Amino acid sequence: RASLHELESCLFIVCLDKPTIATCRGRHSDLVTDLTARTHHIIHGQGVRHNTANRWMDKTIQLIVSEDGTCGINMEHSVAEGIALGHMIEHTFSVMCQEKTSSSNGGLEPDSLSS
């Protein structure tokens, strides 16, 4: 019961998923170009045998990260306009760029975040 209360009262959810499954209809075999697989993964988890049980559609913001690096945000926007999420993402990228330029530990290149 306490776990359910935590889920109901949290500001956002972080979904740590199994890997994305490539679409059999996709003409691309790799996940980098298989936009259908990645979109289905982020929106609904690709079915009950994969990650759908790890989605909380009543939460305003779900941050989704899979084992293979597929990541995205699913937002239930009846509570707020999408522009708020856009500002949050821009701020996150800005912080990531600052962290990258202030450290030499590797990670994302700041130029790759703008595209």
N, C-alpha and C. Protein backbone atom coordinates (compact mmCIF):
# COMPACT_ATOMS: atom_id res chain seq x y z
N ARG A 1 0.82 -1.19 0.00
CA ARG A 1 0.00 0.00 0.00
C ARG A 1 0.87 1.27 0.00
N ALA A 2 1.96 1.24 0.71
CA ALA A 2 2.86 2.39 0.75
C ALA A 2 3.47 2.66 -0.63
N SER A 3 3.81 1.59 -1.35
CA SER A 3 4.37 1.75 -2.69
C SER A 3 3.36 2.40 -3.64
N LEU A 4 2.11 2.00 -3.55
CA LEU A 4 1.07 2.59 -4.39
C LEU A 4 0.88 4.07 -4.05
N HIS A 5 0.96 4.42 -2.78
CA HIS A 5 0.85 5.82 -2.37
C HIS A 5 2.01 6.64 -2.97
N GLU A 6 3.22 6.08 -2.95
CA GLU A 6 4.37 6.77 -3.52
C GLU A 6 4.16 7.02 -5.02
N LEU A 7 3.66 6.02 -5.72
CA LEU A 7 3.40 6.18 -7.16
C LEU A 7 2.33 7.24 -7.43
N GLU A 8 1.30 7.26 -6.62
CA GLU A 8 0.22 8.21 -6.83
C GLU A 8 0.61 9.65 -6.48
N SER A 9 1.54 9.83 -5.56
CA SER A 9 1.88 11.17 -5.10
C SER A 9 3.16 11.75 -5.73
N CYS A 10 3.86 10.98 -6.53
CA CYS A 10 5.12 11.48 -7.10
C CYS A 10 4.87 12.50 -8.22
N LEU A 11 5.87 13.33 -8.49
CA LEU A 11 5.77 14.34 -9.54
C LEU A 11 5.95 13.74 -10.93
N PHE A 12 6.79 12.73 -11.04
CA PHE A 12 7.03 12.06 -12.32
C PHE A 12 7.51 10.64 -12.05
N ILE A 13 7.53 9.84 -13.10
CA ILE A 13 7.94 8.44 -13.02
C ILE A 13 9.17 8.25 -13.90
N VAL A 14 10.12 7.46 -13.44
CA VAL A 14 11.24 7.04 -14.27
C VAL A 14 11.02 5.56 -14.57
N CYS A 15 10.85 5.23 -15.85
CA CYS A 15 10.61 3.86 -16.29
C CYS A 15 11.93 3.27 -16.79
N LEU A 16 12.44 2.27 -16.12
CA LEU A 16 13.66 1.58 -16.54
C LEU A 16 13.22 0.30 -17.24
N ASP A 17 13.39 0.26 -18.56
CA ASP A 17 12.80 -0.77 -19.40
C ASP A 17 13.78 -1.80 -19.90
N LYS A 18 13.19 -2.91 -20.36
CA LYS A 18 13.93 -3.92 -21.12
C LYS A 18 14.27 -3.31 -22.48
N PRO A 19 15.13 -3.96 -23.26
CA PRO A 19 15.50 -3.40 -24.57
C PRO A 19 14.31 -3.26 -25.52
N THR A 20 14.44 -2.34 -26.47
CA THR A 20 13.45 -2.14 -27.52
C THR A 20 13.50 -3.31 -28.50
N ILE A 21 12.33 -3.76 -28.93
CA ILE A 21 12.24 -4.85 -29.89
C ILE A 21 12.03 -4.26 -31.28
N ALA A 22 12.87 -4.64 -32.24
CA ALA A 22 12.74 -4.12 -33.60
C ALA A 22 11.43 -4.58 -34.22
N THR A 23 10.84 -3.74 -35.07
CA THR A 23 9.59 -4.10 -35.74
C THR A 23 9.89 -5.08 -36.86
N CYS A 24 9.02 -6.06 -37.02
CA CYS A 24 9.23 -7.03 -38.10
C CYS A 24 8.84 -6.43 -39.44
N ARG A 25 7.99 -5.40 -39.44
CA ARG A 25 7.59 -4.77 -40.68
C ARG A 25 8.56 -3.67 -41.10
N GLY A 26 9.42 -3.26 -40.17
CA GLY A 26 10.35 -2.18 -40.48
C GLY A 26 11.35 -2.59 -41.53
N ARG A 27 11.68 -1.69 -42.43
CA ARG A 27 12.65 -2.02 -43.47
C ARG A 27 14.07 -1.85 -42.95
N HIS A 28 14.21 -1.32 -41.75
CA HIS A 28 15.54 -1.12 -41.16
C HIS A 28 15.74 -2.16 -40.06
N SER A 29 16.89 -2.73 -40.02
CA SER A 29 17.14 -3.77 -39.03
C SER A 29 17.76 -3.23 -37.74
N ASP A 30 18.29 -2.02 -37.78
CA ASP A 30 18.91 -1.48 -36.56
C ASP A 30 17.96 -0.49 -35.89
N LEU A 31 18.07 -0.37 -34.59
CA LEU A 31 17.16 0.48 -33.82
C LEU A 31 17.42 1.97 -34.03
N VAL A 32 18.59 2.33 -34.53
CA VAL A 32 18.88 3.74 -34.76
C VAL A 32 17.93 4.30 -35.81
N THR A 33 17.62 3.53 -36.83
CA THR A 33 16.74 4.00 -37.90
C THR A 33 15.32 3.44 -37.81
N ASP A 34 15.06 2.54 -36.88
CA ASP A 34 13.72 1.95 -36.74
C ASP A 34 12.86 2.85 -35.86
N LEU A 35 12.35 3.91 -36.44
CA LEU A 35 11.55 4.88 -35.69
C LEU A 35 10.25 4.28 -35.18
N THR A 36 9.68 3.33 -35.91
CA THR A 36 8.43 2.70 -35.48
C THR A 36 8.63 1.97 -34.16
N ALA A 37 9.69 1.19 -34.07
CA ALA A 37 9.96 0.44 -32.83
C ALA A 37 10.21 1.39 -31.67
N ARG A 38 11.02 2.41 -31.91
CA ARG A 38 11.32 3.34 -30.82
C ARG A 38 10.09 4.13 -30.39
N THR A 39 9.26 4.53 -31.35
CA THR A 39 8.04 5.26 -31.01
C THR A 39 7.09 4.39 -30.21
N HIS A 40 6.87 3.16 -30.65
CA HIS A 40 6.00 2.24 -29.90
C HIS A 40 6.56 1.97 -28.51
N HIS A 41 7.86 1.86 -28.43
CA HIS A 41 8.49 1.63 -27.12
C HIS A 41 8.19 2.77 -26.16
N ILE A 42 8.36 4.01 -26.60
CA ILE A 42 8.16 5.16 -25.72
C ILE A 42 6.68 5.35 -25.41
N ILE A 43 5.81 5.23 -26.40
CA ILE A 43 4.40 5.52 -26.17
C ILE A 43 3.72 4.48 -25.29
N HIS A 44 3.86 3.20 -25.64
CA HIS A 44 3.10 2.19 -24.88
C HIS A 44 3.91 0.98 -24.44
N GLY A 45 5.20 0.97 -24.63
CA GLY A 45 6.04 -0.10 -24.11
C GLY A 45 6.09 -1.35 -24.96
N GLN A 46 5.50 -1.34 -26.15
CA GLN A 46 5.56 -2.45 -27.10
C GLN A 46 4.83 -3.70 -26.64
N GLY A 47 3.80 -3.58 -25.87
CA GLY A 47 2.98 -4.73 -25.52
C GLY A 47 3.27 -5.33 -24.15
N VAL A 48 2.33 -6.14 -23.70
CA VAL A 48 2.40 -6.69 -22.34
C VAL A 48 3.57 -7.64 -22.12
N ARG A 49 4.12 -8.21 -23.17
CA ARG A 49 5.27 -9.11 -23.02
C ARG A 49 6.58 -8.34 -22.93
N HIS A 50 6.51 -7.05 -23.11
CA HIS A 50 7.74 -6.25 -23.10
C HIS A 50 7.69 -5.22 -21.97
N ASN A 51 7.24 -4.00 -22.23
CA ASN A 51 7.35 -2.94 -21.22
C ASN A 51 6.04 -2.23 -20.89
N THR A 52 4.92 -2.67 -21.43
CA THR A 52 3.66 -1.98 -21.20
C THR A 52 3.29 -1.92 -19.72
N ALA A 53 3.60 -2.95 -18.97
CA ALA A 53 3.30 -2.95 -17.53
C ALA A 53 4.14 -1.93 -16.77
N ASN A 54 5.11 -1.35 -17.45
CA ASN A 54 5.98 -0.36 -16.82
C ASN A 54 5.60 1.07 -17.23
N ARG A 55 4.37 1.27 -17.68
CA ARG A 55 3.86 2.59 -18.04
C ARG A 55 2.75 2.99 -17.08
N TRP A 56 2.73 4.24 -16.71
CA TRP A 56 1.75 4.78 -15.78
C TRP A 56 1.06 5.95 -16.47
N MET A 57 0.04 5.65 -17.24
CA MET A 57 -0.57 6.66 -18.11
C MET A 57 -1.26 7.78 -17.35
N ASP A 58 -1.53 7.62 -16.07
CA ASP A 58 -2.15 8.70 -15.30
C ASP A 58 -1.12 9.67 -14.73
N LYS A 59 0.17 9.39 -14.89
CA LYS A 59 1.20 10.31 -14.42
C LYS A 59 1.46 11.35 -15.50
N THR A 60 1.69 12.58 -15.09
CA THR A 60 1.88 13.66 -16.04
C THR A 60 3.15 13.46 -16.86
N ILE A 61 4.24 13.07 -16.23
CA ILE A 61 5.51 12.91 -16.95
C ILE A 61 6.12 11.54 -16.63
N GLN A 62 6.47 10.81 -17.70
CA GLN A 62 7.20 9.56 -17.57
C GLN A 62 8.53 9.71 -18.31
N LEU A 63 9.62 9.55 -17.62
CA LEU A 63 10.95 9.55 -18.23
C LEU A 63 11.30 8.09 -18.49
N ILE A 64 11.52 7.73 -19.75
CA ILE A 64 11.67 6.33 -20.13
C ILE A 64 13.08 6.08 -20.65
N VAL A 65 13.74 5.08 -20.08
CA VAL A 65 15.09 4.70 -20.50
C VAL A 65 15.13 3.18 -20.57
N SER A 66 15.58 2.65 -21.71
CA SER A 66 15.69 1.20 -21.84
C SER A 66 17.14 0.76 -21.77
N GLU A 67 17.34 -0.53 -21.61
CA GLU A 67 18.69 -1.08 -21.50
C GLU A 67 19.56 -0.78 -22.72
N ASP A 68 18.93 -0.65 -23.89
CA ASP A 68 19.70 -0.44 -25.12
C ASP A 68 19.92 1.03 -25.44
N GLY A 69 19.51 1.93 -24.56
CA GLY A 69 19.75 3.35 -24.77
C GLY A 69 18.58 4.11 -25.36
N THR A 70 17.53 3.41 -25.78
CA THR A 70 16.33 4.11 -26.24
C THR A 70 15.79 4.91 -25.07
N CYS A 71 15.53 6.19 -25.30
CA CYS A 71 15.01 7.00 -24.21
C CYS A 71 14.05 8.05 -24.75
N GLY A 72 13.16 8.48 -23.91
CA GLY A 72 12.19 9.49 -24.31
C GLY A 72 11.32 9.90 -23.15
N ILE A 73 10.38 10.76 -23.45
CA ILE A 73 9.46 11.26 -22.43
C ILE A 73 8.05 11.09 -22.94
N ASN A 74 7.19 10.56 -22.09
CA ASN A 74 5.77 10.44 -22.40
C ASN A 74 5.04 11.37 -21.45
N MET A 75 4.25 12.28 -22.00
CA MET A 75 3.59 13.29 -21.17
C MET A 75 2.09 13.23 -21.38
N GLU A 76 1.35 13.16 -20.29
CA GLU A 76 -0.10 13.27 -20.32
C GLU A 76 -0.39 14.75 -20.17
N HIS A 77 -0.81 15.40 -21.26
CA HIS A 77 -0.80 16.85 -21.29
C HIS A 77 -2.13 17.53 -20.99
N SER A 78 -3.10 16.83 -20.41
CA SER A 78 -4.33 17.54 -20.05
C SER A 78 -4.11 18.44 -18.83
N VAL A 79 -3.08 18.16 -18.06
CA VAL A 79 -2.77 18.95 -16.87
C VAL A 79 -2.06 20.25 -17.24
N ALA A 80 -1.18 20.20 -18.23
CA ALA A 80 -0.38 21.36 -18.61
C ALA A 80 -0.10 21.31 -20.10
N GLU A 81 0.24 22.45 -20.64
CA GLU A 81 0.60 22.52 -22.06
C GLU A 81 1.95 21.88 -22.31
N GLY A 82 2.17 21.43 -23.51
CA GLY A 82 3.43 20.80 -23.90
C GLY A 82 4.62 21.72 -23.81
N ILE A 83 4.38 23.04 -23.84
CA ILE A 83 5.49 23.99 -23.80
C ILE A 83 6.28 23.86 -22.49
N ALA A 84 5.60 23.50 -21.41
CA ALA A 84 6.31 23.31 -20.13
C ALA A 84 7.31 22.16 -20.23
N LEU A 85 6.91 21.09 -20.90
CA LEU A 85 7.82 19.97 -21.10
C LEU A 85 8.99 20.38 -22.00
N GLY A 86 8.68 21.17 -23.03
CA GLY A 86 9.74 21.66 -23.91
C GLY A 86 10.79 22.46 -23.15
N HIS A 87 10.35 23.32 -22.25
CA HIS A 87 11.28 24.10 -21.43
C HIS A 87 12.11 23.19 -20.52
N MET A 88 11.48 22.16 -19.97
CA MET A 88 12.20 21.23 -19.11
C MET A 88 13.30 20.51 -19.90
N ILE A 89 12.98 20.07 -21.12
CA ILE A 89 13.95 19.37 -21.95
C ILE A 89 15.09 20.30 -22.34
N GLU A 90 14.78 21.53 -22.73
CA GLU A 90 15.83 22.50 -23.08
C GLU A 90 16.75 22.77 -21.90
N HIS A 91 16.18 22.90 -20.71
CA HIS A 91 16.99 23.13 -19.51
C HIS A 91 17.89 21.92 -19.24
N THR A 92 17.34 20.72 -19.40
CA THR A 92 18.12 19.50 -19.17
C THR A 92 19.31 19.45 -20.13
N PHE A 93 19.07 19.72 -21.42
CA PHE A 93 20.17 19.73 -22.39
C PHE A 93 21.19 20.80 -22.05
N SER A 94 20.74 21.96 -21.60
CA SER A 94 21.65 23.04 -21.23
C SER A 94 22.56 22.61 -20.09
N VAL A 95 21.98 21.97 -19.08
CA VAL A 95 22.77 21.49 -17.94
C VAL A 95 23.75 20.41 -18.39
N MET A 96 23.29 19.51 -19.28
CA MET A 96 24.18 18.46 -19.78
C MET A 96 25.36 19.06 -20.53
N CYS A 97 25.10 20.09 -21.32
CA CYS A 97 26.19 20.75 -22.06
C CYS A 97 27.18 21.40 -21.11
N GLN A 98 26.67 22.06 -20.07
CA GLN A 98 27.55 22.70 -19.09
C GLN A 98 28.38 21.67 -18.37
N GLU A 99 27.77 20.55 -18.01
CA GLU A 99 28.49 19.49 -17.31
C GLU A 99 29.59 18.91 -18.21
N LYS A 100 29.28 18.75 -19.49
CA LYS A 100 30.26 18.19 -20.42
C LYS A 100 31.45 19.12 -20.59
N THR A 101 31.18 20.41 -20.73
CA THR A 101 32.29 21.34 -20.95
C THR A 101 33.10 21.57 -19.68
N SER A 102 32.51 21.32 -18.51
CA SER A 102 33.25 21.54 -17.27
C SER A 102 33.99 20.29 -16.80
N SER A 103 33.73 19.14 -17.45
CA SER A 103 34.45 17.92 -17.06
C SER A 103 35.03 17.27 -18.31
N SER A 104 35.99 16.43 -18.11
CA SER A 104 36.60 15.73 -19.24
C SER A 104 36.39 14.23 -19.12
N ASN A 105 35.27 13.82 -18.50
CA ASN A 105 35.01 12.40 -18.26
C ASN A 105 34.31 11.72 -19.43
N GLY A 106 34.17 12.37 -20.57
CA GLY A 106 33.47 11.76 -21.69
C GLY A 106 31.98 12.05 -21.62
N GLY A 107 31.21 11.27 -22.33
CA GLY A 107 29.76 11.48 -22.36
C GLY A 107 29.32 12.10 -23.66
N LEU A 108 28.20 12.77 -23.65
CA LEU A 108 27.66 13.38 -24.85
C LEU A 108 28.44 14.62 -25.25
N GLU A 109 28.59 14.80 -26.52
CA GLU A 109 29.20 16.03 -27.03
C GLU A 109 28.13 17.12 -27.04
N PRO A 110 28.43 18.34 -26.59
CA PRO A 110 27.44 19.41 -26.57
C PRO A 110 26.81 19.68 -27.92
N ASP A 111 27.58 19.58 -29.01
CA ASP A 111 27.03 19.83 -30.34
C ASP A 111 25.99 18.80 -30.73
N SER A 112 26.09 17.58 -30.22
CA SER A 112 25.14 16.53 -30.60
C SER A 112 23.79 16.74 -29.92
N LEU A 113 23.72 17.57 -28.89
CA LEU A 113 22.47 17.78 -28.20
C LEU A 113 21.56 18.77 -28.90
N SER A 114 22.10 19.60 -29.76
CA SER A 114 21.29 20.63 -30.40
C SER A 114 20.50 20.10 -31.59
N SER A 115 20.84 18.93 -32.10
CA SER A 115 20.12 18.41 -33.27
C SER A 115 18.95 17.53 -32.88
